[in-house]
Amino acid sequence: MTGESHTDGTAGFLLEMGMLKRAKRSGWWIAGVKEPESIAEHSFRTGIIGSVLAMMEGADPAKVALLCLFHDTQETRVGDIPHIGRRYLTAASNESVTADQVSGAHPAVRAGVQRIVEEYENGTGLEVLCAHDADKLECLIQAVEYREQGYQNVQNWIDTSRSRLKTASAQSLAEAALRMTSVQWQETYLR
């Protein structure tokens, strides 16, 4: 490929990532949430949570944030398949989707993005553990927020997310999120 072609392929990937700002986290529809957050909104807070968890656990916050940032990028191609949907569908692996997404990108971008997704999906280090916990903790916190807004069918998301947390830091933050109301968390910064 020519340099211009790699540039076009890379720009195409970046434009495709913009779809994540418009695509909704469809699993929440099952709980009756009519306008759930977008995949990009979820990924943003997952990155923040991952960085915080990494700091608390002694891992590399920048690496965890990077893993979190790319963890759902494949959903531009396969959508946000709710857990129940996975019972009936066989989706391509995230690594395979990513390889297709970046196939026309600059070689360094192609290799870098594929490496990040591969590590998130198959790695075993502390950073990967923090990134996975961040994804679950973000879901738990979102469920708590939806519950406070009056959506009553979110307890399963809370319970499932909580049971999958591995690090002590994620577990303690989940406990705090479960005992605080939005007014109480606002008081933490209004003091």
N, C-alpha and C. Protein backbone atom coordinates (compact mmCIF):
# COMPACT_ATOMS: atom_id res chain seq x y z
N MET A 1 0.84 -1.19 0.00
CA MET A 1 0.00 0.00 0.00
C MET A 1 0.87 1.24 0.00
N THR A 2 0.36 2.27 -0.57
CA THR A 2 1.09 3.53 -0.59
C THR A 2 0.87 4.28 0.72
N GLY A 3 1.70 5.28 0.95
CA GLY A 3 1.56 6.12 2.15
C GLY A 3 0.20 6.78 2.21
N GLU A 4 -0.28 7.26 1.05
CA GLU A 4 -1.59 7.90 1.01
C GLU A 4 -2.69 6.90 1.34
N SER A 5 -2.54 5.67 0.85
CA SER A 5 -3.53 4.64 1.12
C SER A 5 -3.56 4.30 2.61
N HIS A 6 -2.36 4.22 3.23
CA HIS A 6 -2.29 3.96 4.68
C HIS A 6 -2.93 5.10 5.46
N THR A 7 -2.70 6.32 4.98
CA THR A 7 -3.31 7.48 5.64
C THR A 7 -4.82 7.41 5.53
N ASP A 8 -5.33 7.06 4.37
CA ASP A 8 -6.77 6.92 4.19
C ASP A 8 -7.32 5.81 5.07
N GLY A 9 -6.62 4.69 5.14
CA GLY A 9 -7.06 3.58 5.98
C GLY A 9 -7.07 3.94 7.45
N THR A 10 -6.07 4.69 7.87
CA THR A 10 -6.00 5.14 9.26
C THR A 10 -7.11 6.14 9.55
N ALA A 11 -7.32 7.08 8.65
CA ALA A 11 -8.40 8.06 8.82
C ALA A 11 -9.76 7.36 8.84
N GLY A 12 -9.91 6.35 8.01
CA GLY A 12 -11.15 5.58 8.00
C GLY A 12 -11.42 4.92 9.33
N PHE A 13 -10.37 4.38 9.94
CA PHE A 13 -10.50 3.76 11.27
C PHE A 13 -10.93 4.81 12.29
N LEU A 14 -10.31 5.98 12.24
CA LEU A 14 -10.66 7.04 13.19
C LEU A 14 -12.10 7.50 13.00
N LEU A 15 -12.53 7.63 11.77
CA LEU A 15 -13.91 8.01 11.50
C LEU A 15 -14.88 6.93 11.99
N GLU A 16 -14.50 5.67 11.78
CA GLU A 16 -15.34 4.56 12.25
C GLU A 16 -15.50 4.60 13.77
N MET A 17 -14.45 4.98 14.47
CA MET A 17 -14.53 5.03 15.94
C MET A 17 -15.55 6.07 16.41
N GLY A 18 -15.83 7.07 15.57
CA GLY A 18 -16.86 8.05 15.89
C GLY A 18 -18.25 7.43 16.03
N MET A 19 -18.45 6.29 15.40
CA MET A 19 -19.73 5.60 15.53
C MET A 19 -20.01 5.20 16.97
N LEU A 20 -18.96 5.00 17.76
CA LEU A 20 -19.14 4.61 19.16
C LEU A 20 -19.83 5.70 19.97
N LYS A 21 -19.77 6.94 19.50
CA LYS A 21 -20.44 8.04 20.19
C LYS A 21 -21.95 7.98 19.96
N ARG A 22 -22.36 7.33 18.88
CA ARG A 22 -23.78 7.25 18.54
C ARG A 22 -24.42 5.91 18.90
N ALA A 23 -23.62 4.87 19.01
CA ALA A 23 -24.14 3.53 19.29
C ALA A 23 -24.43 3.37 20.78
N LYS A 24 -25.62 2.91 21.09
CA LYS A 24 -26.06 2.77 22.48
C LYS A 24 -25.66 1.41 23.04
N ARG A 25 -25.52 1.38 24.35
CA ARG A 25 -25.28 0.11 25.07
C ARG A 25 -26.63 -0.58 25.20
N SER A 26 -26.91 -1.46 24.26
CA SER A 26 -28.25 -2.00 24.09
C SER A 26 -28.70 -2.95 25.19
N GLY A 27 -27.80 -3.51 25.96
CA GLY A 27 -28.20 -4.41 27.05
C GLY A 27 -29.12 -3.74 28.05
N TRP A 28 -28.98 -2.44 28.21
CA TRP A 28 -29.81 -1.71 29.18
C TRP A 28 -31.27 -1.65 28.74
N TRP A 29 -31.56 -1.85 27.47
CA TRP A 29 -32.95 -1.85 27.02
C TRP A 29 -33.74 -2.95 27.73
N ILE A 30 -33.07 -4.06 28.03
CA ILE A 30 -33.72 -5.16 28.73
C ILE A 30 -34.21 -4.71 30.10
N ALA A 31 -33.47 -3.79 30.72
CA ALA A 31 -33.85 -3.26 32.04
C ALA A 31 -34.83 -2.10 31.92
N GLY A 32 -35.23 -1.76 30.70
CA GLY A 32 -36.20 -0.70 30.50
C GLY A 32 -35.61 0.68 30.34
N VAL A 33 -34.28 0.79 30.26
CA VAL A 33 -33.65 2.09 30.07
C VAL A 33 -33.84 2.49 28.61
N LYS A 34 -34.60 3.55 28.38
CA LYS A 34 -34.95 3.94 27.02
C LYS A 34 -33.80 4.58 26.26
N GLU A 35 -33.01 5.38 26.94
CA GLU A 35 -31.89 6.08 26.31
C GLU A 35 -30.59 5.78 27.07
N PRO A 36 -30.05 4.57 26.92
CA PRO A 36 -28.82 4.24 27.64
C PRO A 36 -27.63 5.02 27.11
N GLU A 37 -26.56 4.98 27.87
CA GLU A 37 -25.34 5.67 27.46
C GLU A 37 -24.78 5.04 26.19
N SER A 38 -23.94 5.79 25.51
CA SER A 38 -23.30 5.27 24.30
C SER A 38 -22.11 4.39 24.68
N ILE A 39 -21.64 3.64 23.71
CA ILE A 39 -20.46 2.80 23.92
C ILE A 39 -19.26 3.68 24.24
N ALA A 40 -19.16 4.84 23.58
CA ALA A 40 -18.04 5.75 23.84
C ALA A 40 -18.10 6.30 25.26
N GLU A 41 -19.30 6.63 25.73
CA GLU A 41 -19.43 7.11 27.11
C GLU A 41 -19.00 6.04 28.11
N HIS A 42 -19.41 4.81 27.84
CA HIS A 42 -18.99 3.68 28.69
C HIS A 42 -17.46 3.52 28.65
N SER A 43 -16.89 3.56 27.47
CA SER A 43 -15.45 3.37 27.33
C SER A 43 -14.66 4.49 28.01
N PHE A 44 -15.16 5.72 27.91
CA PHE A 44 -14.49 6.85 28.56
C PHE A 44 -14.41 6.62 30.07
N ARG A 45 -15.57 6.35 30.70
CA ARG A 45 -15.53 6.17 32.16
C ARG A 45 -14.78 4.90 32.53
N THR A 46 -14.84 3.87 31.70
CA THR A 46 -14.05 2.66 31.97
C THR A 46 -12.57 3.00 32.00
N GLY A 47 -12.11 3.87 31.09
CA GLY A 47 -10.71 4.29 31.08
C GLY A 47 -10.32 5.05 32.34
N ILE A 48 -11.20 5.93 32.80
CA ILE A 48 -10.94 6.67 34.04
C ILE A 48 -10.89 5.71 35.22
N ILE A 49 -11.90 4.84 35.31
CA ILE A 49 -11.94 3.86 36.40
C ILE A 49 -10.70 2.97 36.35
N GLY A 50 -10.33 2.52 35.16
CA GLY A 50 -9.15 1.67 35.02
C GLY A 50 -7.89 2.35 35.50
N SER A 51 -7.73 3.62 35.17
CA SER A 51 -6.56 4.37 35.62
C SER A 51 -6.53 4.45 37.14
N VAL A 52 -7.68 4.73 37.73
CA VAL A 52 -7.76 4.83 39.19
C VAL A 52 -7.46 3.48 39.83
N LEU A 53 -8.04 2.42 39.30
CA LEU A 53 -7.75 1.08 39.84
C LEU A 53 -6.26 0.76 39.73
N ALA A 54 -5.66 1.10 38.60
CA ALA A 54 -4.23 0.84 38.41
C ALA A 54 -3.41 1.58 39.45
N MET A 55 -3.76 2.84 39.72
CA MET A 55 -3.05 3.60 40.74
C MET A 55 -3.18 2.93 42.11
N MET A 56 -4.37 2.47 42.42
CA MET A 56 -4.62 1.83 43.72
C MET A 56 -3.94 0.47 43.83
N GLU A 57 -3.81 -0.23 42.71
CA GLU A 57 -3.26 -1.59 42.71
C GLU A 57 -1.76 -1.63 42.39
N GLY A 58 -1.17 -0.49 42.05
CA GLY A 58 0.26 -0.47 41.73
C GLY A 58 0.56 -0.89 40.30
N ALA A 59 -0.40 -0.75 39.42
CA ALA A 59 -0.20 -1.09 38.01
C ALA A 59 0.06 0.21 37.23
N ASP A 60 0.29 0.08 35.94
CA ASP A 60 0.56 1.22 35.07
C ASP A 60 -0.76 1.85 34.62
N PRO A 61 -1.12 3.03 35.14
CA PRO A 61 -2.41 3.63 34.81
C PRO A 61 -2.57 3.96 33.32
N ALA A 62 -1.51 4.38 32.67
CA ALA A 62 -1.61 4.72 31.25
C ALA A 62 -1.91 3.48 30.41
N LYS A 63 -1.26 2.38 30.74
CA LYS A 63 -1.50 1.15 30.00
C LYS A 63 -2.92 0.64 30.22
N VAL A 64 -3.40 0.71 31.46
CA VAL A 64 -4.76 0.27 31.75
C VAL A 64 -5.77 1.15 31.01
N ALA A 65 -5.55 2.45 31.02
CA ALA A 65 -6.46 3.35 30.30
C ALA A 65 -6.49 3.00 28.82
N LEU A 66 -5.34 2.69 28.23
CA LEU A 66 -5.27 2.33 26.82
C LEU A 66 -6.04 1.05 26.55
N LEU A 67 -5.86 0.05 27.38
CA LEU A 67 -6.60 -1.20 27.23
C LEU A 67 -8.11 -0.94 27.30
N CYS A 68 -8.52 -0.12 28.25
CA CYS A 68 -9.94 0.19 28.42
C CYS A 68 -10.49 0.96 27.22
N LEU A 69 -9.71 1.87 26.71
CA LEU A 69 -10.15 2.70 25.60
C LEU A 69 -10.49 1.86 24.37
N PHE A 70 -9.77 0.79 24.15
CA PHE A 70 -9.96 -0.04 22.96
C PHE A 70 -10.82 -1.28 23.21
N HIS A 71 -11.29 -1.49 24.44
CA HIS A 71 -11.92 -2.77 24.76
C HIS A 71 -13.24 -3.04 24.03
N ASP A 72 -13.95 -2.02 23.61
CA ASP A 72 -15.23 -2.23 22.90
C ASP A 72 -15.24 -1.63 21.50
N THR A 73 -14.09 -1.33 20.94
CA THR A 73 -14.05 -0.69 19.62
C THR A 73 -14.65 -1.58 18.52
N GLN A 74 -14.68 -2.86 18.74
CA GLN A 74 -15.21 -3.79 17.74
C GLN A 74 -16.72 -3.63 17.56
N GLU A 75 -17.36 -2.97 18.51
CA GLU A 75 -18.81 -2.86 18.46
C GLU A 75 -19.31 -1.96 17.33
N THR A 76 -18.39 -1.27 16.64
CA THR A 76 -18.81 -0.55 15.43
C THR A 76 -19.21 -1.55 14.35
N ARG A 77 -18.67 -2.75 14.41
CA ARG A 77 -18.93 -3.76 13.38
C ARG A 77 -19.96 -4.81 13.82
N VAL A 78 -19.93 -5.19 15.09
CA VAL A 78 -20.80 -6.28 15.54
C VAL A 78 -21.90 -5.81 16.48
N GLY A 79 -21.90 -4.55 16.84
CA GLY A 79 -22.89 -4.02 17.77
C GLY A 79 -22.59 -4.43 19.20
N ASP A 80 -23.42 -3.94 20.09
CA ASP A 80 -23.33 -4.28 21.51
C ASP A 80 -24.29 -5.44 21.74
N ILE A 81 -23.78 -6.64 21.64
CA ILE A 81 -24.63 -7.83 21.76
C ILE A 81 -24.91 -8.07 23.24
N PRO A 82 -26.18 -7.96 23.66
CA PRO A 82 -26.50 -8.22 25.07
C PRO A 82 -26.12 -9.65 25.46
N HIS A 83 -25.91 -9.85 26.72
CA HIS A 83 -25.48 -11.17 27.22
C HIS A 83 -26.42 -12.28 26.74
N ILE A 84 -27.71 -12.04 26.79
CA ILE A 84 -28.67 -13.06 26.36
C ILE A 84 -28.51 -13.35 24.86
N GLY A 85 -28.15 -12.34 24.08
CA GLY A 85 -27.97 -12.54 22.65
C GLY A 85 -26.81 -13.47 22.32
N ARG A 86 -25.81 -13.49 23.19
CA ARG A 86 -24.64 -14.35 22.95
C ARG A 86 -25.00 -15.83 23.01
N ARG A 87 -26.13 -16.12 23.61
CA ARG A 87 -26.60 -17.50 23.66
C ARG A 87 -26.98 -18.01 22.27
N TYR A 88 -27.38 -17.08 21.40
CA TYR A 88 -27.91 -17.45 20.09
C TYR A 88 -27.02 -17.09 18.92
N LEU A 89 -26.02 -16.26 19.15
CA LEU A 89 -25.17 -15.77 18.08
C LEU A 89 -23.73 -16.23 18.27
N THR A 90 -23.08 -16.45 17.17
CA THR A 90 -21.65 -16.71 17.21
C THR A 90 -20.99 -15.54 16.50
N ALA A 91 -20.41 -14.66 17.29
CA ALA A 91 -19.76 -13.47 16.72
C ALA A 91 -18.28 -13.76 16.47
N ALA A 92 -17.72 -13.03 15.54
CA ALA A 92 -16.28 -13.13 15.30
C ALA A 92 -15.56 -12.67 16.57
N SER A 93 -14.36 -13.15 16.77
CA SER A 93 -13.58 -12.73 17.93
C SER A 93 -13.25 -11.25 17.83
N ASN A 94 -13.07 -10.61 18.97
CA ASN A 94 -12.69 -9.19 18.96
C ASN A 94 -11.37 -8.99 18.23
N GLU A 95 -10.46 -9.93 18.35
CA GLU A 95 -9.19 -9.82 17.65
C GLU A 95 -9.38 -9.84 16.14
N SER A 96 -10.28 -10.69 15.67
CA SER A 96 -10.55 -10.79 14.24
C SER A 96 -11.23 -9.52 13.72
N VAL A 97 -12.19 -8.99 14.48
CA VAL A 97 -12.86 -7.76 14.07
C VAL A 97 -11.86 -6.61 14.01
N THR A 98 -11.01 -6.52 15.03
CA THR A 98 -10.00 -5.46 15.07
C THR A 98 -9.06 -5.56 13.88
N ALA A 99 -8.62 -6.76 13.56
CA ALA A 99 -7.72 -6.95 12.41
C ALA A 99 -8.37 -6.42 11.14
N ASP A 100 -9.65 -6.66 10.98
CA ASP A 100 -10.36 -6.15 9.80
C ASP A 100 -10.48 -4.63 9.86
N GLN A 101 -10.79 -4.10 11.04
CA GLN A 101 -10.95 -2.65 11.18
C GLN A 101 -9.69 -1.88 10.79
N VAL A 102 -8.54 -2.41 11.14
CA VAL A 102 -7.28 -1.68 10.92
C VAL A 102 -6.49 -2.23 9.74
N SER A 103 -7.09 -3.08 8.92
CA SER A 103 -6.36 -3.73 7.83
C SER A 103 -5.75 -2.73 6.86
N GLY A 104 -6.37 -1.58 6.65
CA GLY A 104 -5.84 -0.59 5.73
C GLY A 104 -5.07 0.53 6.39
N ALA A 105 -4.89 0.44 7.69
CA ALA A 105 -4.22 1.52 8.44
C ALA A 105 -2.70 1.46 8.29
N HIS A 106 -2.07 2.51 8.71
CA HIS A 106 -0.60 2.57 8.76
C HIS A 106 -0.11 1.33 9.50
N PRO A 107 0.98 0.70 9.04
CA PRO A 107 1.45 -0.54 9.67
C PRO A 107 1.67 -0.42 11.19
N ALA A 108 2.18 0.70 11.64
CA ALA A 108 2.41 0.87 13.09
C ALA A 108 1.08 0.95 13.84
N VAL A 109 0.08 1.59 13.22
CA VAL A 109 -1.25 1.68 13.85
C VAL A 109 -1.88 0.29 13.86
N ARG A 110 -1.80 -0.39 12.73
CA ARG A 110 -2.37 -1.74 12.63
C ARG A 110 -1.78 -2.66 13.70
N ALA A 111 -0.47 -2.68 13.79
CA ALA A 111 0.18 -3.55 14.78
C ALA A 111 -0.13 -3.11 16.21
N GLY A 112 -0.12 -1.82 16.45
CA GLY A 112 -0.36 -1.31 17.80
C GLY A 112 -1.76 -1.59 18.30
N VAL A 113 -2.75 -1.32 17.48
CA VAL A 113 -4.14 -1.54 17.89
C VAL A 113 -4.40 -3.04 18.08
N GLN A 114 -3.88 -3.84 17.17
CA GLN A 114 -4.06 -5.29 17.31
C GLN A 114 -3.39 -5.81 18.59
N ARG A 115 -2.24 -5.29 18.92
CA ARG A 115 -1.53 -5.70 20.13
C ARG A 115 -2.34 -5.33 21.39
N ILE A 116 -2.92 -4.14 21.40
CA ILE A 116 -3.72 -3.70 22.55
C ILE A 116 -4.92 -4.61 22.75
N VAL A 117 -5.65 -4.88 21.68
CA VAL A 117 -6.84 -5.73 21.78
C VAL A 117 -6.47 -7.15 22.15
N GLU A 118 -5.40 -7.66 21.56
CA GLU A 118 -4.93 -9.01 21.89
C GLU A 118 -4.61 -9.11 23.38
N GLU A 119 -3.94 -8.11 23.91
CA GLU A 119 -3.59 -8.15 25.33
C GLU A 119 -4.84 -8.07 26.20
N TYR A 120 -5.77 -7.18 25.86
CA TYR A 120 -7.00 -7.07 26.65
C TYR A 120 -7.75 -8.41 26.66
N GLU A 121 -7.84 -9.04 25.50
CA GLU A 121 -8.61 -10.28 25.38
C GLU A 121 -7.91 -11.49 25.97
N ASN A 122 -6.58 -11.54 25.92
CA ASN A 122 -5.87 -12.76 26.27
C ASN A 122 -4.77 -12.60 27.32
N GLY A 123 -4.48 -11.37 27.71
CA GLY A 123 -3.39 -11.14 28.66
C GLY A 123 -3.76 -11.57 30.07
N THR A 124 -2.74 -11.64 30.91
CA THR A 124 -2.97 -12.11 32.28
C THR A 124 -2.34 -11.20 33.33
N GLY A 125 -1.71 -10.12 32.95
CA GLY A 125 -1.01 -9.26 33.90
C GLY A 125 -1.96 -8.41 34.73
N LEU A 126 -1.38 -7.68 35.67
CA LEU A 126 -2.15 -6.82 36.57
C LEU A 126 -2.90 -5.74 35.79
N GLU A 127 -2.28 -5.20 34.74
CA GLU A 127 -2.96 -4.17 33.95
C GLU A 127 -4.22 -4.73 33.29
N VAL A 128 -4.15 -5.93 32.77
CA VAL A 128 -5.32 -6.55 32.14
C VAL A 128 -6.39 -6.80 33.19
N LEU A 129 -5.99 -7.27 34.35
CA LEU A 129 -6.93 -7.50 35.44
C LEU A 129 -7.64 -6.21 35.84
N CYS A 130 -6.89 -5.13 35.95
CA CYS A 130 -7.48 -3.83 36.28
C CYS A 130 -8.42 -3.35 35.18
N ALA A 131 -8.05 -3.57 33.92
CA ALA A 131 -8.91 -3.16 32.80
C ALA A 131 -10.23 -3.93 32.81
N HIS A 132 -10.18 -5.22 33.05
CA HIS A 132 -11.40 -6.02 33.11
C HIS A 132 -12.26 -5.61 34.31
N ASP A 133 -11.62 -5.37 35.44
CA ASP A 133 -12.36 -4.89 36.61
C ASP A 133 -12.99 -3.53 36.34
N ALA A 134 -12.29 -2.68 35.62
CA ALA A 134 -12.83 -1.35 35.30
C ALA A 134 -14.10 -1.48 34.46
N ASP A 135 -14.11 -2.38 33.51
CA ASP A 135 -15.29 -2.60 32.68
C ASP A 135 -16.47 -3.03 33.54
N LYS A 136 -16.24 -3.96 34.45
CA LYS A 136 -17.32 -4.45 35.32
C LYS A 136 -17.75 -3.38 36.31
N LEU A 137 -16.79 -2.66 36.87
CA LEU A 137 -17.12 -1.62 37.85
C LEU A 137 -17.90 -0.49 37.20
N GLU A 138 -17.55 -0.13 35.97
CA GLU A 138 -18.29 0.91 35.27
C GLU A 138 -19.74 0.47 35.06
N CYS A 139 -19.94 -0.77 34.71
CA CYS A 139 -21.29 -1.30 34.52
C CYS A 139 -22.07 -1.25 35.84
N LEU A 140 -21.43 -1.63 36.93
CA LEU A 140 -22.07 -1.57 38.24
C LEU A 140 -22.46 -0.14 38.59
N ILE A 141 -21.54 0.79 38.41
CA ILE A 141 -21.83 2.19 38.74
C ILE A 141 -22.96 2.72 37.86
N GLN A 142 -22.94 2.37 36.58
CA GLN A 142 -24.01 2.81 35.69
C GLN A 142 -25.35 2.24 36.15
N ALA A 143 -25.36 0.98 36.56
CA ALA A 143 -26.59 0.37 37.06
C ALA A 143 -27.09 1.08 38.31
N VAL A 144 -26.18 1.45 39.20
CA VAL A 144 -26.57 2.18 40.41
C VAL A 144 -27.20 3.52 40.01
N GLU A 145 -26.61 4.20 39.05
CA GLU A 145 -27.15 5.47 38.59
C GLU A 145 -28.54 5.29 37.96
N TYR A 146 -28.69 4.25 37.14
CA TYR A 146 -30.00 4.00 36.54
C TYR A 146 -31.03 3.64 37.61
N ARG A 147 -30.62 2.87 38.60
CA ARG A 147 -31.54 2.51 39.69
C ARG A 147 -32.01 3.77 40.41
N GLU A 148 -31.09 4.69 40.66
CA GLU A 148 -31.45 5.93 41.33
C GLU A 148 -32.39 6.78 40.47
N GLN A 149 -32.32 6.62 39.17
CA GLN A 149 -33.21 7.35 38.26
C GLN A 149 -34.58 6.68 38.15
N GLY A 150 -34.76 5.56 38.83
CA GLY A 150 -36.06 4.91 38.86
C GLY A 150 -36.16 3.61 38.08
N TYR A 151 -35.10 3.18 37.43
CA TYR A 151 -35.13 1.91 36.71
C TYR A 151 -34.91 0.79 37.72
N GLN A 152 -35.93 -0.04 37.90
CA GLN A 152 -35.90 -1.05 38.96
C GLN A 152 -35.28 -2.38 38.54
N ASN A 153 -35.11 -2.61 37.25
CA ASN A 153 -34.67 -3.92 36.77
C ASN A 153 -33.17 -4.01 36.51
N VAL A 154 -32.38 -3.35 37.32
CA VAL A 154 -30.93 -3.33 37.10
C VAL A 154 -30.15 -4.15 38.13
N GLN A 155 -30.84 -4.74 39.09
CA GLN A 155 -30.13 -5.45 40.16
C GLN A 155 -29.25 -6.58 39.62
N ASN A 156 -29.71 -7.26 38.59
CA ASN A 156 -28.90 -8.34 38.01
C ASN A 156 -27.56 -7.82 37.50
N TRP A 157 -27.55 -6.61 36.87
CA TRP A 157 -26.30 -6.01 36.40
C TRP A 157 -25.38 -5.71 37.58
N ILE A 158 -25.96 -5.23 38.65
CA ILE A 158 -25.17 -4.92 39.85
C ILE A 158 -24.57 -6.21 40.41
N ASP A 159 -25.40 -7.21 40.60
CA ASP A 159 -24.94 -8.47 41.19
C ASP A 159 -23.90 -9.17 40.33
N THR A 160 -24.17 -9.23 39.04
CA THR A 160 -23.25 -9.91 38.12
C THR A 160 -21.91 -9.19 38.05
N SER A 161 -21.97 -7.88 37.91
CA SER A 161 -20.73 -7.09 37.84
C SER A 161 -19.93 -7.23 39.12
N ARG A 162 -20.59 -7.12 40.24
CA ARG A 162 -19.92 -7.20 41.55
C ARG A 162 -19.25 -8.56 41.74
N SER A 163 -19.92 -9.62 41.33
CA SER A 163 -19.37 -10.97 41.54
C SER A 163 -18.14 -11.24 40.67
N ARG A 164 -17.95 -10.45 39.61
CA ARG A 164 -16.82 -10.67 38.70
C ARG A 164 -15.60 -9.82 39.01
N LEU A 165 -15.70 -8.94 39.98
CA LEU A 165 -14.56 -8.08 40.34
C LEU A 165 -13.49 -8.92 41.02
N LYS A 166 -12.25 -8.72 40.62
CA LYS A 166 -11.14 -9.52 41.14
C LYS A 166 -10.24 -8.75 42.11
N THR A 167 -9.99 -7.49 41.85
CA THR A 167 -9.05 -6.76 42.70
C THR A 167 -9.72 -6.22 43.95
N ALA A 168 -8.95 -6.11 45.01
CA ALA A 168 -9.47 -5.56 46.27
C ALA A 168 -9.93 -4.12 46.07
N SER A 169 -9.23 -3.37 45.26
CA SER A 169 -9.59 -1.97 45.02
C SER A 169 -10.95 -1.86 44.33
N ALA A 170 -11.18 -2.68 43.32
CA ALA A 170 -12.46 -2.65 42.62
C ALA A 170 -13.59 -3.07 43.56
N GLN A 171 -13.34 -4.06 44.37
CA GLN A 171 -14.37 -4.51 45.31
C GLN A 171 -14.71 -3.42 46.32
N SER A 172 -13.70 -2.73 46.82
CA SER A 172 -13.97 -1.68 47.81
C SER A 172 -14.67 -0.48 47.16
N LEU A 173 -14.32 -0.14 45.92
CA LEU A 173 -15.00 0.95 45.23
C LEU A 173 -16.45 0.57 44.91
N ALA A 174 -16.70 -0.68 44.60
CA ALA A 174 -18.07 -1.14 44.36
C ALA A 174 -18.89 -0.99 45.63
N GLU A 175 -18.32 -1.38 46.75
CA GLU A 175 -19.03 -1.23 48.03
C GLU A 175 -19.38 0.23 48.29
N ALA A 176 -18.45 1.12 48.05
CA ALA A 176 -18.70 2.55 48.26
C ALA A 176 -19.79 3.05 47.32
N ALA A 177 -19.73 2.64 46.06
CA ALA A 177 -20.74 3.07 45.09
C ALA A 177 -22.12 2.56 45.47
N LEU A 178 -22.18 1.39 46.05
CA LEU A 178 -23.47 0.80 46.42
C LEU A 178 -24.09 1.46 47.65
N ARG A 179 -23.27 2.06 48.49
CA ARG A 179 -23.83 2.68 49.70
C ARG A 179 -24.03 4.19 49.57
N MET A 180 -23.60 4.78 48.45
CA MET A 180 -23.70 6.23 48.28
C MET A 180 -24.82 6.60 47.30
N THR A 181 -25.50 7.68 47.58
CA THR A 181 -26.45 8.25 46.63
C THR A 181 -25.71 9.32 45.83
N SER A 182 -26.35 9.82 44.78
CA SER A 182 -25.71 10.87 43.99
C SER A 182 -25.47 12.12 44.83
N VAL A 183 -26.34 12.39 45.78
CA VAL A 183 -26.14 13.54 46.67
C VAL A 183 -24.91 13.31 47.54
N GLN A 184 -24.74 12.10 48.04
CA GLN A 184 -23.58 11.80 48.88
C GLN A 184 -22.27 11.90 48.10
N TRP A 185 -22.25 11.41 46.85
CA TRP A 185 -20.98 11.52 46.12
C TRP A 185 -20.69 12.96 45.77
N GLN A 186 -21.73 13.78 45.58
CA GLN A 186 -21.48 15.21 45.35
C GLN A 186 -20.89 15.86 46.59
N GLU A 187 -21.30 15.40 47.74
CA GLU A 187 -20.77 15.96 48.99
C GLU A 187 -19.28 15.69 49.15
N THR A 188 -18.76 14.63 48.48
CA THR A 188 -17.33 14.33 48.59
C THR A 188 -16.47 15.43 47.97
N TYR A 189 -17.02 16.18 47.02
CA TYR A 189 -16.23 17.25 46.42
C TYR A 189 -16.73 18.65 46.81
N LEU A 190 -17.82 18.72 47.55
CA LEU A 190 -18.33 20.01 47.99
C LEU A 190 -17.80 20.39 49.37
N ARG A 191 -17.09 19.49 50.00
CA ARG A 191 -16.57 19.77 51.35
C ARG A 191 -15.54 20.84 51.35
